[in-house]
PDB file of all heavy atoms in Angstrom:
ATOM      1  N   GLN A   1      14.114-136.836 -36.612  1.00  0.00           N
ATOM      2  CA  GLN A   1      13.538-137.158 -35.296  1.00  0.00           C
ATOM      3  C   GLN A   1      12.696-136.063 -34.723  1.00  0.00           C
ATOM      4  O   GLN A   1      11.863-136.362 -33.889  1.00  0.00           O
ATOM      5  CB  GLN A   1      14.746-137.482 -34.348  1.00  0.00           C
ATOM      6  CG  GLN A   1      15.519-138.729 -34.688  1.00  0.00           C
ATOM      7  CD  GLN A   1      16.713-138.912 -33.769  1.00  0.00           C
ATOM      8  OE1 GLN A   1      16.912-138.183 -32.837  1.00  0.00           O
ATOM      9  NE2 GLN A   1      17.507-139.904 -34.124  1.00  0.00           N
ATOM     10  N   VAL A   2      12.865-134.871 -35.154  1.00  0.00           N
ATOM     11  CA  VAL A   2      12.130-133.759 -34.580  1.00  0.00           C
ATOM     12  C   VAL A   2      11.294-132.916 -35.569  1.00  0.00           C
ATOM     13  O   VAL A   2      10.606-132.002 -35.118  1.00  0.00           O
ATOM     14  CB  VAL A   2      13.085-132.778 -33.792  1.00  0.00           C
ATOM     15  CG1 VAL A   2      13.725-133.523 -32.652  1.00  0.00           C
ATOM     16  CG2 VAL A   2      14.130-132.237 -34.714  1.00  0.00           C
ATOM     17  N   ALA A   3      11.425-133.213 -36.802  1.00  0.00           N
ATOM     18  CA  ALA A   3      10.830-132.323 -37.855  1.00  0.00           C
ATOM     19  C   ALA A   3       9.375-131.972 -37.669  1.00  0.00           C
ATOM     20  O   ALA A   3       8.958-130.872 -37.672  1.00  0.00           O
ATOM     21  CB  ALA A   3      11.109-132.858 -39.246  1.00  0.00           C
ATOM     22  N   LEU A   4       8.573-133.045 -37.606  1.00  0.00           N
ATOM     23  CA  LEU A   4       7.121-132.799 -37.637  1.00  0.00           C
ATOM     24  C   LEU A   4       6.580-132.059 -36.450  1.00  0.00           C
ATOM     25  O   LEU A   4       5.675-131.267 -36.554  1.00  0.00           O
ATOM     26  CB  LEU A   4       6.381-134.117 -37.776  1.00  0.00           C
ATOM     27  CG  LEU A   4       6.677-134.874 -39.109  1.00  0.00           C
ATOM     28  CD1 LEU A   4       5.983-136.200 -39.163  1.00  0.00           C
ATOM     29  CD2 LEU A   4       6.396-134.047 -40.300  1.00  0.00           C
ATOM     30  N   LYS A   5       7.155-132.244 -35.263  1.00  0.00           N
ATOM     31  CA  LYS A   5       6.622-131.596 -34.059  1.00  0.00           C
ATOM     32  C   LYS A   5       7.077-130.109 -33.941  1.00  0.00           C
ATOM     33  O   LYS A   5       6.552-129.401 -33.111  1.00  0.00           O
ATOM     34  CB  LYS A   5       6.987-132.354 -32.811  1.00  0.00           C
ATOM     35  CG  LYS A   5       8.437-132.263 -32.475  1.00  0.00           C
ATOM     36  CD  LYS A   5       8.748-133.048 -31.129  1.00  0.00           C
ATOM     37  CE  LYS A   5      10.190-132.874 -30.731  1.00  0.00           C
ATOM     38  NZ  LYS A   5      10.483-133.536 -29.508  1.00  0.00           N
ATOM     39  N   ALA A   6       8.047-129.716 -34.736  1.00  0.00           N
ATOM     40  CA  ALA A   6       8.716-128.442 -34.473  1.00  0.00           C
ATOM     41  C   ALA A   6       8.530-127.345 -35.536  1.00  0.00           C
ATOM     42  O   ALA A   6       8.803-126.207 -35.204  1.00  0.00           O
ATOM     43  CB  ALA A   6      10.190-128.699 -34.280  1.00  0.00           C
ATOM     44  N   LEU A   7       8.033-127.626 -36.708  1.00  0.00           N
ATOM     45  CA  LEU A   7       8.082-126.681 -37.766  1.00  0.00           C
ATOM     46  C   LEU A   7       7.333-125.354 -37.434  1.00  0.00           C
ATOM     47  O   LEU A   7       7.703-124.298 -37.905  1.00  0.00           O
ATOM     48  CB  LEU A   7       7.504-127.271 -39.083  1.00  0.00           C
ATOM     49  CG  LEU A   7       8.394-128.312 -39.724  1.00  0.00           C
ATOM     50  CD1 LEU A   7       7.721-128.884 -40.942  1.00  0.00           C
ATOM     51  CD2 LEU A   7       9.716-127.744 -40.108  1.00  0.00           C
ATOM     52  N   SER A   8       6.308-125.454 -36.620  1.00  0.00           N
ATOM     53  CA  SER A   8       5.485-124.229 -36.311  1.00  0.00           C
ATOM     54  C   SER A   8       6.246-123.205 -35.449  1.00  0.00           C
ATOM     55  O   SER A   8       5.816-122.061 -35.380  1.00  0.00           O
ATOM     56  CB  SER A   8       4.175-124.639 -35.672  1.00  0.00           C
ATOM     57  OG  SER A   8       4.499-125.221 -34.383  1.00  0.00           O
ATOM     58  N   SER A   9       7.348-123.619 -34.852  1.00  0.00           N
ATOM     59  CA  SER A   9       8.061-122.717 -34.005  1.00  0.00           C
ATOM     60  C   SER A   9       9.205-121.968 -34.717  1.00  0.00           C
ATOM     61  O   SER A   9       9.813-121.080 -34.096  1.00  0.00           O
ATOM     62  CB  SER A   9       8.666-123.477 -32.810  1.00  0.00           C
ATOM     63  OG  SER A   9       7.626-124.009 -32.023  1.00  0.00           O
ATOM     64  N   ILE A  10       9.531-122.331 -35.901  1.00  0.00           N
ATOM     65  CA  ILE A  10      10.625-121.698 -36.610  1.00  0.00           C
ATOM     66  C   ILE A  10      10.116-120.409 -37.265  1.00  0.00           C
ATOM     67  O   ILE A  10       8.974-120.359 -37.821  1.00  0.00           O
ATOM     68  CB  ILE A  10      11.150-122.629 -37.723  1.00  0.00           C
ATOM     69  CG1 ILE A  10      11.734-123.904 -37.037  1.00  0.00           C
ATOM     70  CG2 ILE A  10      12.239-121.981 -38.543  1.00  0.00           C
ATOM     71  CD1 ILE A  10      12.168-124.969 -38.024  1.00  0.00           C
ATOM     72  N   LYS A  11      10.907-119.376 -37.233  1.00  0.00           N
ATOM     73  CA  LYS A  11      10.540-118.105 -37.867  1.00  0.00           C
ATOM     74  C   LYS A  11      10.359-118.362 -39.382  1.00  0.00           C
ATOM     75  O   LYS A  11      11.112-119.086 -40.012  1.00  0.00           O
ATOM     76  CB  LYS A  11      11.637-117.056 -37.666  1.00  0.00           C
ATOM     77  CG  LYS A  11      11.741-116.582 -36.247  1.00  0.00           C
ATOM     78  CD  LYS A  11      12.796-115.545 -36.077  1.00  0.00           C
ATOM     79  CE  LYS A  11      12.894-115.069 -34.641  1.00  0.00           C
ATOM     80  NZ  LYS A  11      13.918-114.030 -34.515  1.00  0.00           N
ATOM     81  N   ALA A  12       9.374-117.678 -39.977  1.00  0.00           N
ATOM     82  CA  ALA A  12       9.075-117.851 -41.332  1.00  0.00           C
ATOM     83  C   ALA A  12      10.261-117.585 -42.247  1.00  0.00           C
ATOM     84  O   ALA A  12      10.474-118.258 -43.247  1.00  0.00           O
ATOM     85  CB  ALA A  12       7.873-116.979 -41.750  1.00  0.00           C
ATOM     86  N   GLU A  13      11.002-116.525 -41.949  1.00  0.00           N
ATOM     87  CA  GLU A  13      12.151-116.141 -42.761  1.00  0.00           C
ATOM     88  C   GLU A  13      13.254-117.204 -42.806  1.00  0.00           C
ATOM     89  O   GLU A  13      14.077-117.246 -43.675  1.00  0.00           O
ATOM     90  CB  GLU A  13      12.732-114.824 -42.453  1.00  0.00           C
ATOM     91  CG  GLU A  13      13.197-114.664 -41.009  1.00  0.00           C
ATOM     92  CD  GLU A  13      12.221-114.154 -40.012  1.00  0.00           C
ATOM     93  OE1 GLU A  13      11.013-114.171 -40.310  1.00  0.00           O
ATOM     94  OE2 GLU A  13      12.655-113.749 -38.913  1.00  0.00           O
ATOM     95  N   VAL A  14      13.215-118.150 -41.860  1.00  0.00           N
ATOM     96  CA  VAL A  14      14.167-119.245 -41.789  1.00  0.00           C
ATOM     97  C   VAL A  14      13.485-120.510 -42.388  1.00  0.00           C
ATOM     98  O   VAL A  14      14.058-121.184 -43.152  1.00  0.00           O
ATOM     99  CB  VAL A  14      14.619-119.519 -40.340  1.00  0.00           C
ATOM    100  CG1 VAL A  14      15.497-120.716 -40.264  1.00  0.00           C
ATOM    101  CG2 VAL A  14      15.370-118.251 -39.776  1.00  0.00           C
ATOM    102  N   GLY A  15      12.232-120.746 -41.989  1.00  0.00           N
ATOM    103  CA  GLY A  15      11.588-121.940 -42.316  1.00  0.00           C
ATOM    104  C   GLY A  15      11.134-122.056 -43.807  1.00  0.00           C
ATOM    105  O   GLY A  15      11.247-123.128 -44.437  1.00  0.00           O
ATOM    106  N   ILE A  16      10.676-120.949 -44.373  1.00  0.00           N
ATOM    107  CA  ILE A  16      10.161-120.955 -45.706  1.00  0.00           C
ATOM    108  C   ILE A  16      11.261-121.320 -46.754  1.00  0.00           C
ATOM    109  O   ILE A  16      11.046-122.159 -47.621  1.00  0.00           O
ATOM    110  CB  ILE A  16       9.468-119.649 -46.117  1.00  0.00           C
ATOM    111  CG1 ILE A  16       8.133-119.601 -45.308  1.00  0.00           C
ATOM    112  CG2 ILE A  16       9.194-119.556 -47.574  1.00  0.00           C
ATOM    113  CD1 ILE A  16       7.407-118.217 -45.396  1.00  0.00           C
ATOM    114  N   PRO A  17      12.451-120.714 -46.620  1.00  0.00           N
ATOM    115  CA  PRO A  17      13.505-121.145 -47.540  1.00  0.00           C
ATOM    116  C   PRO A  17      13.886-122.641 -47.397  1.00  0.00           C
ATOM    117  O   PRO A  17      14.173-123.300 -48.402  1.00  0.00           O
ATOM    118  CB  PRO A  17      14.704-120.251 -47.192  1.00  0.00           C
ATOM    119  CG  PRO A  17      14.129-119.048 -46.569  1.00  0.00           C
ATOM    120  CD  PRO A  17      12.873-119.558 -45.811  1.00  0.00           C
ATOM    121  N   LEU A  18      13.861-123.152 -46.210  1.00  0.00           N
ATOM    122  CA  LEU A  18      14.130-124.550 -45.966  1.00  0.00           C
ATOM    123  C   LEU A  18      13.087-125.417 -46.655  1.00  0.00           C
ATOM    124  O   LEU A  18      13.340-126.444 -47.366  1.00  0.00           O
ATOM    125  CB  LEU A  18      14.215-124.952 -44.512  1.00  0.00           C
ATOM    126  CG  LEU A  18      15.444-124.493 -43.810  1.00  0.00           C
ATOM    127  CD1 LEU A  18      15.364-124.596 -42.276  1.00  0.00           C
ATOM    128  CD2 LEU A  18      16.702-125.234 -44.303  1.00  0.00           C
ATOM    129  N   LEU A  19      11.819-125.098 -46.505  1.00  0.00           N
ATOM    130  CA  LEU A  19      10.706-125.797 -47.082  1.00  0.00           C
ATOM    131  C   LEU A  19      10.799-125.683 -48.625  1.00  0.00           C
ATOM    132  O   LEU A  19      10.557-126.655 -49.347  1.00  0.00           O
ATOM    133  CB  LEU A  19       9.392-125.358 -46.609  1.00  0.00           C
ATOM    134  CG  LEU A  19       9.026-125.661 -45.139  1.00  0.00           C
ATOM    135  CD1 LEU A  19       7.806-124.946 -44.704  1.00  0.00           C
ATOM    136  CD2 LEU A  19       8.938-127.160 -44.957  1.00  0.00           C
ATOM    137  N   ASN A  20      11.077-124.477 -49.159  1.00  0.00           N
ATOM    138  CA  ASN A  20      11.164-124.318 -50.551  1.00  0.00           C
ATOM    139  C   ASN A  20      12.334-125.094 -51.206  1.00  0.00           C
ATOM    140  O   ASN A  20      12.261-125.550 -52.290  1.00  0.00           O
ATOM    141  CB  ASN A  20      11.215-122.830 -50.947  1.00  0.00           C
ATOM    142  CG  ASN A  20       9.869-122.178 -50.774  1.00  0.00           C
ATOM    143  OD1 ASN A  20       8.849-122.844 -50.798  1.00  0.00           O
ATOM    144  ND2 ASN A  20       9.918-120.896 -50.682  1.00  0.00           N
ATOM    145  N   GLU A  21      13.406-125.233 -50.457  1.00  0.00           N
ATOM    146  CA  GLU A  21      14.554-125.987 -50.938  1.00  0.00           C
ATOM    147  C   GLU A  21      14.181-127.472 -51.150  1.00  0.00           C
ATOM    148  O   GLU A  21      14.740-128.084 -52.057  1.00  0.00           O
ATOM    149  CB  GLU A  21      15.691-125.906 -49.930  1.00  0.00           C
ATOM    150  CG  GLU A  21      17.049-126.277 -50.513  1.00  0.00           C
ATOM    151  CD  GLU A  21      18.211-125.978 -49.611  1.00  0.00           C
ATOM    152  OE1 GLU A  21      18.105-125.032 -48.812  1.00  0.00           O
ATOM    153  OE2 GLU A  21      19.220-126.653 -49.703  1.00  0.00           O
ATOM    154  N   LEU A  22      13.236-127.954 -50.395  1.00  0.00           N
ATOM    155  CA  LEU A  22      12.759-129.309 -50.633  1.00  0.00           C
ATOM    156  C   LEU A  22      12.149-129.434 -52.029  1.00  0.00           C
ATOM    157  O   LEU A  22      12.211-130.456 -52.650  1.00  0.00           O
ATOM    158  CB  LEU A  22      11.733-129.765 -49.550  1.00  0.00           C
ATOM    159  CG  LEU A  22      12.332-129.978 -48.155  1.00  0.00           C
ATOM    160  CD1 LEU A  22      11.147-130.212 -47.171  1.00  0.00           C
ATOM    161  CD2 LEU A  22      13.238-131.189 -48.160  1.00  0.00           C
ATOM    162  N   LEU A  23      11.475-128.369 -52.511  1.00  0.00           N
ATOM    163  CA  LEU A  23      10.891-128.395 -53.802  1.00  0.00           C
ATOM    164  C   LEU A  23      11.896-128.437 -54.970  1.00  0.00           C
ATOM    165  O   LEU A  23      11.593-128.793 -56.082  1.00  0.00           O
ATOM    166  CB  LEU A  23       9.977-127.187 -54.042  1.00  0.00           C
ATOM    167  CG  LEU A  23       8.747-127.159 -53.095  1.00  0.00           C
ATOM    168  CD1 LEU A  23       7.982-125.866 -53.245  1.00  0.00           C
ATOM    169  CD2 LEU A  23       7.838-128.359 -53.349  1.00  0.00           C
ATOM    170  N   ASP A  24      13.178-128.087 -54.642  1.00  0.00           N
ATOM    171  CA  ASP A  24      14.217-128.241 -55.664  1.00  0.00           C
ATOM    172  C   ASP A  24      14.493-129.674 -56.026  1.00  0.00           C
ATOM    173  O   ASP A  24      15.103-129.937 -57.061  1.00  0.00           O
ATOM    174  CB  ASP A  24      15.560-127.625 -55.154  1.00  0.00           C
ATOM    175  CG  ASP A  24      15.494-126.119 -54.958  1.00  0.00           C
ATOM    176  OD1 ASP A  24      14.586-125.466 -55.556  1.00  0.00           O
ATOM    177  OD2 ASP A  24      16.374-125.591 -54.295  1.00  0.00           O
ATOM    178  N   CYS A  25      14.011-130.606 -55.240  1.00  0.00           N
ATOM    179  CA  CYS A  25      14.115-132.021 -55.524  1.00  0.00           C
ATOM    180  C   CYS A  25      13.062-132.569 -56.453  1.00  0.00           C
ATOM    181  O   CYS A  25      13.092-133.705 -56.844  1.00  0.00           O
ATOM    182  CB  CYS A  25      13.998-132.837 -54.203  1.00  0.00           C
ATOM    183  SG  CYS A  25      15.234-132.402 -52.965  1.00  0.00           S
ATOM    184  N   VAL A  26      12.097-131.708 -56.826  1.00  0.00           N
ATOM    185  CA  VAL A  26      10.898-132.106 -57.551  1.00  0.00           C
ATOM    186  C   VAL A  26      10.948-131.676 -59.021  1.00  0.00           C
ATOM    187  O   VAL A  26      11.312-130.562 -59.320  1.00  0.00           O
ATOM    188  CB  VAL A  26       9.696-131.547 -56.883  1.00  0.00           C
ATOM    189  CG1 VAL A  26       8.401-132.008 -57.644  1.00  0.00           C
ATOM    190  CG2 VAL A  26       9.527-131.929 -55.442  1.00  0.00           C
ATOM    191  N   GLN A  27      10.639-132.650 -59.915  1.00  0.00           N
ATOM    192  CA  GLN A  27      10.465-132.349 -61.282  1.00  0.00           C
ATOM    193  C   GLN A  27       8.994-132.751 -61.690  1.00  0.00           C
ATOM    194  O   GLN A  27       8.453-133.629 -61.100  1.00  0.00           O
ATOM    195  CB  GLN A  27      11.427-133.164 -62.180  1.00  0.00           C
ATOM    196  CG  GLN A  27      12.854-132.690 -62.035  1.00  0.00           C
ATOM    197  CD  GLN A  27      13.714-133.489 -63.008  1.00  0.00           C
ATOM    198  OE1 GLN A  27      13.729-134.714 -63.008  1.00  0.00           O
ATOM    199  NE2 GLN A  27      14.441-132.760 -63.884  1.00  0.00           N
ATOM    200  N   ILE A  28       8.472-132.028 -62.625  1.00  0.00           N
ATOM    201  CA  ILE A  28       7.132-132.375 -63.142  1.00  0.00           C
ATOM    202  C   ILE A  28       7.307-133.225 -64.410  1.00  0.00           C
ATOM    203  O   ILE A  28       8.293-133.041 -65.169  1.00  0.00           O
ATOM    204  CB  ILE A  28       6.291-131.146 -63.418  1.00  0.00           C
ATOM    205  CG1 ILE A  28       4.818-131.560 -63.748  1.00  0.00           C
ATOM    206  CG2 ILE A  28       6.890-130.257 -64.515  1.00  0.00           C
ATOM    207  CD1 ILE A  28       3.828-130.387 -63.683  1.00  0.00           C
ATOM    208  N   VAL A  29       6.376-134.128 -64.614  1.00  0.00           N
ATOM    209  CA  VAL A  29       6.357-134.965 -65.821  1.00  0.00           C
ATOM    210  C   VAL A  29       5.095-134.603 -66.610  1.00  0.00           C
ATOM    211  O   VAL A  29       4.010-135.018 -66.275  1.00  0.00           O
ATOM    212  CB  VAL A  29       6.323-136.514 -65.488  1.00  0.00           C
ATOM    213  CG1 VAL A  29       6.403-137.307 -66.780  1.00  0.00           C
ATOM    214  CG2 VAL A  29       7.505-136.858 -64.572  1.00  0.00           C
ATOM    215  N   PRO A  30       5.281-133.747 -67.616  1.00  0.00           N
ATOM    216  CA  PRO A  30       4.101-133.334 -68.465  1.00  0.00           C
ATOM    217  C   PRO A  30       3.497-134.569 -69.117  1.00  0.00           C
ATOM    218  O   PRO A  30       4.167-135.577 -69.389  1.00  0.00           O
ATOM    219  CB  PRO A  30       4.680-132.373 -69.460  1.00  0.00           C
ATOM    220  CG  PRO A  30       6.042-131.992 -68.956  1.00  0.00           C
ATOM    221  CD  PRO A  30       6.516-133.126 -68.105  1.00  0.00           C
TER     222      PRO A  30
END
């Protein structure tokens, strides 16, 4: 409900790990 409007206010040291954790859901298909 609030994700898109709020990301710019989060400190980088908190936000970057959260964003990078989303990448743990991703696999590449060569």
